[in-house]
């Protein structure tokens, strides 16, 4: 009777053996997931925002101005003209 790989106690990442390739593993308990997140991450965020602000902001501002002006004109056109109804009783 042939034993399967799961019965041999192998985990999913260890099912195959590859020759000639060296792999290194670091325990998740030894990793520092947020190492330098505040000291390096926050200045990097501000630098990226400052670099892209003048590329991204003008189209958004133009779009906002076009939208608000169109909304004003639309509201004006949707109003009834009071002079059209002055003779009605």
N, C-alpha and C. Protein backbone atom coordinates (compact mmCIF):
# COMPACT_ATOMS: atom_id res chain seq x y z
N UNK A 1 0.84 -1.17 0.00
CA UNK A 1 0.00 0.00 0.00
C UNK A 1 0.89 1.24 0.00
N UNK A 2 0.58 2.19 -0.91
CA UNK A 2 1.39 3.40 -1.08
C UNK A 2 0.83 4.51 -0.20
N UNK A 3 1.70 5.12 0.56
CA UNK A 3 1.25 6.22 1.41
C UNK A 3 1.28 7.51 0.61
N UNK A 4 0.28 8.34 0.80
CA UNK A 4 0.25 9.62 0.10
C UNK A 4 1.15 10.62 0.81
N UNK A 5 1.38 11.75 0.15
CA UNK A 5 2.26 12.76 0.73
C UNK A 5 1.67 13.37 1.99
N UNK A 6 0.36 13.46 2.05
CA UNK A 6 -0.24 14.03 3.26
C UNK A 6 -0.06 13.10 4.45
N UNK A 7 -0.03 11.79 4.21
CA UNK A 7 0.18 10.87 5.32
C UNK A 7 1.63 10.88 5.78
N UNK A 8 2.54 11.32 4.93
CA UNK A 8 3.93 11.39 5.31
C UNK A 8 4.24 12.63 6.15
N UNK A 9 3.27 13.48 6.37
CA UNK A 9 3.46 14.64 7.20
C UNK A 9 4.00 15.84 6.46
N UNK A 10 3.91 15.85 5.14
CA UNK A 10 4.39 17.00 4.36
C UNK A 10 3.29 18.05 4.30
N UNK A 11 3.72 19.31 4.36
CA UNK A 11 2.77 20.41 4.24
C UNK A 11 2.69 20.84 2.79
N UNK A 12 1.77 21.76 2.48
CA UNK A 12 1.52 22.13 1.10
C UNK A 12 2.75 22.72 0.41
N UNK A 13 3.52 23.52 1.09
CA UNK A 13 4.68 24.14 0.48
C UNK A 13 5.87 23.20 0.33
N UNK A 14 5.79 22.01 0.89
CA UNK A 14 6.91 21.07 0.87
C UNK A 14 6.59 19.80 0.08
N UNK A 15 5.62 19.83 -0.80
CA UNK A 15 5.21 18.62 -1.50
C UNK A 15 6.22 18.18 -2.55
N UNK A 16 6.93 19.13 -3.16
CA UNK A 16 7.88 18.77 -4.22
C UNK A 16 9.28 19.17 -3.79
N UNK A 17 10.25 18.42 -4.24
CA UNK A 17 11.63 18.79 -4.00
C UNK A 17 12.25 19.17 -5.34
N UNK A 18 12.92 20.32 -5.34
CA UNK A 18 13.55 20.82 -6.55
C UNK A 18 15.05 20.85 -6.29
N UNK A 19 15.82 20.27 -7.20
CA UNK A 19 17.27 20.23 -7.02
C UNK A 19 17.91 21.45 -7.66
N UNK A 20 18.94 21.99 -7.05
CA UNK A 20 19.70 23.08 -7.63
C UNK A 20 19.19 24.46 -7.28
N UNK A 21 18.12 24.56 -6.54
CA UNK A 21 17.58 25.86 -6.14
C UNK A 21 17.62 25.93 -4.62
N UNK A 22 18.23 26.97 -4.14
CA UNK A 22 18.35 27.16 -2.70
C UNK A 22 17.27 28.15 -2.25
N UNK A 23 16.51 27.78 -1.27
CA UNK A 23 15.47 28.66 -0.74
C UNK A 23 15.80 28.98 0.70
N UNK A 24 15.50 30.21 1.08
CA UNK A 24 15.70 30.66 2.44
C UNK A 24 14.35 31.06 3.01
N UNK A 25 14.10 30.73 4.23
CA UNK A 25 12.84 31.07 4.87
C UNK A 25 13.13 31.83 6.15
N UNK A 26 12.23 32.76 6.43
CA UNK A 26 12.32 33.51 7.67
C UNK A 26 11.01 33.31 8.41
N UNK A 27 11.12 32.99 9.66
CA UNK A 27 9.93 32.73 10.45
C UNK A 27 9.07 33.99 10.53
N UNK A 28 7.74 33.85 10.44
CA UNK A 28 6.88 35.02 10.57
C UNK A 28 7.02 35.70 11.93
N UNK A 29 7.50 34.99 12.92
CA UNK A 29 7.67 35.58 14.23
C UNK A 29 8.93 36.43 14.31
N UNK A 30 9.85 36.26 13.35
CA UNK A 30 11.07 37.05 13.34
C UNK A 30 10.96 38.26 12.42
N UNK A 31 9.93 38.32 11.61
CA UNK A 31 9.77 39.44 10.69
C UNK A 31 9.21 40.65 11.43
N UNK A 32 9.59 41.81 10.94
CA UNK A 32 9.03 43.05 11.47
C UNK A 32 8.22 43.69 10.35
N UNK A 33 6.93 43.48 10.38
CA UNK A 33 6.07 43.89 9.27
C UNK A 33 6.02 45.41 9.11
N UNK A 34 6.07 46.15 10.19
CA UNK A 34 5.96 47.61 10.12
C UNK A 34 7.27 48.30 10.49
N UNK A 35 8.38 47.65 10.17
CA UNK A 35 9.68 48.24 10.46
C UNK A 35 9.89 49.47 9.59
N UNK A 36 10.07 50.62 10.19
CA UNK A 36 10.29 51.87 9.45
C UNK A 36 9.05 52.47 8.84
N UNK A 37 7.87 52.02 9.24
CA UNK A 37 6.64 52.53 8.64
C UNK A 37 6.43 54.01 8.97
N UNK A 38 6.76 54.41 10.17
CA UNK A 38 6.55 55.81 10.55
C UNK A 38 7.76 56.65 10.18
N UNK A 39 8.96 56.17 10.45
CA UNK A 39 10.16 56.98 10.21
C UNK A 39 10.47 57.13 8.73
N UNK A 40 10.15 56.13 7.92
CA UNK A 40 10.43 56.21 6.49
C UNK A 40 9.17 56.33 5.66
N UNK A 41 8.08 55.74 6.13
CA UNK A 41 6.86 55.71 5.34
C UNK A 41 6.16 57.05 5.23
N UNK A 42 6.00 57.75 6.34
CA UNK A 42 5.30 59.04 6.31
C UNK A 42 6.04 60.09 5.47
N UNK A 43 7.34 60.26 5.61
CA UNK A 43 8.01 61.21 4.72
C UNK A 43 7.91 60.81 3.26
N UNK A 44 7.90 59.52 2.98
CA UNK A 44 7.77 59.06 1.60
C UNK A 44 6.39 59.39 1.05
N UNK A 45 5.35 59.27 1.88
CA UNK A 45 4.00 59.62 1.44
C UNK A 45 3.92 61.10 1.09
N UNK A 46 4.48 61.95 1.96
CA UNK A 46 4.44 63.39 1.68
C UNK A 46 5.25 63.75 0.44
N UNK A 47 6.37 63.08 0.23
CA UNK A 47 7.18 63.33 -0.96
C UNK A 47 6.43 62.95 -2.23
N UNK A 48 5.74 61.81 -2.21
CA UNK A 48 4.98 61.37 -3.38
C UNK A 48 3.81 62.30 -3.67
N UNK A 49 3.12 62.74 -2.63
CA UNK A 49 2.01 63.67 -2.83
C UNK A 49 2.51 64.98 -3.42
N UNK A 50 3.61 65.50 -2.89
CA UNK A 50 4.16 66.75 -3.39
C UNK A 50 4.62 66.61 -4.85
N UNK A 51 5.13 65.45 -5.22
CA UNK A 51 5.61 65.24 -6.59
C UNK A 51 4.47 65.16 -7.58
N UNK A 52 3.32 64.62 -7.19
CA UNK A 52 2.21 64.40 -8.13
C UNK A 52 1.09 65.42 -8.02
N UNK A 53 1.18 66.33 -7.06
CA UNK A 53 0.09 67.27 -6.82
C UNK A 53 -0.20 68.14 -8.03
N UNK A 54 0.83 68.70 -8.66
CA UNK A 54 0.62 69.61 -9.78
C UNK A 54 0.28 68.86 -11.07
N UNK A 55 0.39 67.56 -11.07
CA UNK A 55 -0.01 66.76 -12.22
C UNK A 55 -1.48 66.38 -12.11
N UNK A 56 -1.92 66.07 -10.91
CA UNK A 56 -3.27 65.54 -10.70
C UNK A 56 -4.29 66.63 -10.39
N UNK A 57 -3.89 67.65 -9.64
CA UNK A 57 -4.84 68.65 -9.15
C UNK A 57 -5.48 69.50 -10.26
N UNK A 58 -4.76 70.02 -11.26
CA UNK A 58 -5.41 70.87 -12.26
C UNK A 58 -6.57 70.22 -13.02
N UNK A 59 -6.45 68.95 -13.47
CA UNK A 59 -7.62 68.36 -14.12
C UNK A 59 -8.82 68.22 -13.19
N UNK A 60 -8.57 67.88 -11.92
CA UNK A 60 -9.67 67.78 -10.98
C UNK A 60 -10.33 69.13 -10.73
N UNK A 61 -9.52 70.18 -10.61
CA UNK A 61 -10.08 71.52 -10.40
C UNK A 61 -10.87 71.96 -11.62
N UNK A 62 -10.36 71.71 -12.81
CA UNK A 62 -11.08 72.07 -14.02
C UNK A 62 -12.39 71.30 -14.12
N UNK A 63 -12.35 70.03 -13.81
CA UNK A 63 -13.57 69.22 -13.82
C UNK A 63 -14.60 69.72 -12.83
N UNK A 64 -14.14 70.11 -11.64
CA UNK A 64 -15.06 70.63 -10.63
C UNK A 64 -15.70 71.94 -11.08
N UNK A 65 -14.89 72.83 -11.67
CA UNK A 65 -15.44 74.10 -12.15
C UNK A 65 -16.45 73.89 -13.26
N UNK A 66 -16.16 73.00 -14.19
CA UNK A 66 -17.10 72.71 -15.28
C UNK A 66 -18.39 72.13 -14.71
N UNK A 67 -18.28 71.22 -13.76
CA UNK A 67 -19.45 70.60 -13.16
C UNK A 67 -20.32 71.62 -12.44
N UNK A 68 -19.70 72.48 -11.62
CA UNK A 68 -20.50 73.46 -10.86
C UNK A 68 -21.17 74.48 -11.78
N UNK A 69 -20.47 74.91 -12.83
CA UNK A 69 -21.09 75.86 -13.76
C UNK A 69 -22.23 75.22 -14.51
N UNK A 70 -22.09 73.97 -14.91
CA UNK A 70 -23.18 73.28 -15.60
C UNK A 70 -24.37 73.09 -14.68
N UNK A 71 -24.13 72.82 -13.41
CA UNK A 71 -25.24 72.68 -12.46
C UNK A 71 -25.99 74.00 -12.29
N UNK A 72 -25.25 75.12 -12.23
CA UNK A 72 -25.90 76.43 -12.12
C UNK A 72 -26.77 76.72 -13.34
N UNK A 73 -26.23 76.46 -14.51
CA UNK A 73 -26.98 76.72 -15.75
C UNK A 73 -28.19 75.80 -15.82
N UNK A 74 -28.04 74.55 -15.42
CA UNK A 74 -29.16 73.61 -15.45
C UNK A 74 -30.27 74.04 -14.50
N UNK A 75 -29.93 74.47 -13.30
CA UNK A 75 -30.94 74.95 -12.36
C UNK A 75 -31.65 76.18 -12.89
N UNK A 76 -30.89 77.06 -13.54
CA UNK A 76 -31.49 78.26 -14.11
C UNK A 76 -32.46 77.92 -15.23
N UNK A 77 -32.10 76.96 -16.07
CA UNK A 77 -32.97 76.57 -17.18
C UNK A 77 -34.20 75.78 -16.73
N UNK A 78 -34.14 75.14 -15.58
CA UNK A 78 -35.26 74.36 -15.10
C UNK A 78 -36.33 75.21 -14.41
N UNK A 79 -36.01 76.47 -14.10
CA UNK A 79 -36.99 77.36 -13.47
C UNK A 79 -38.00 77.83 -14.49
N UNK A 80 -39.19 78.00 -14.03
CA UNK A 80 -40.25 78.55 -14.89
C UNK A 80 -40.09 80.06 -14.97
N UNK A 81 -40.41 80.58 -16.12
CA UNK A 81 -40.36 82.02 -16.32
C UNK A 81 -41.67 82.62 -15.78
N UNK A 82 -41.63 83.49 -14.78
CA UNK A 82 -42.86 84.05 -14.22
C UNK A 82 -43.64 84.90 -15.22
N UNK A 83 -42.97 85.48 -16.20
CA UNK A 83 -43.67 86.31 -17.18
C UNK A 83 -44.59 85.47 -18.07
N UNK A 84 -44.34 84.20 -18.22
CA UNK A 84 -45.19 83.34 -19.04
C UNK A 84 -46.55 83.09 -18.36
N UNK A 85 -46.65 83.29 -17.06
CA UNK A 85 -47.86 82.95 -16.33
C UNK A 85 -48.51 84.17 -15.69
N UNK A 86 -48.16 85.37 -16.06
CA UNK A 86 -48.72 86.54 -15.41
C UNK A 86 -50.18 86.80 -15.79
N UNK A 87 -50.63 86.31 -16.95
CA UNK A 87 -52.02 86.50 -17.37
C UNK A 87 -52.93 85.37 -16.92
N UNK A 88 -52.42 84.34 -16.34
CA UNK A 88 -53.24 83.21 -15.88
C UNK A 88 -53.98 83.58 -14.60
N UNK A 89 -55.15 83.04 -14.47
CA UNK A 89 -55.94 83.28 -13.26
C UNK A 89 -56.24 81.98 -12.59
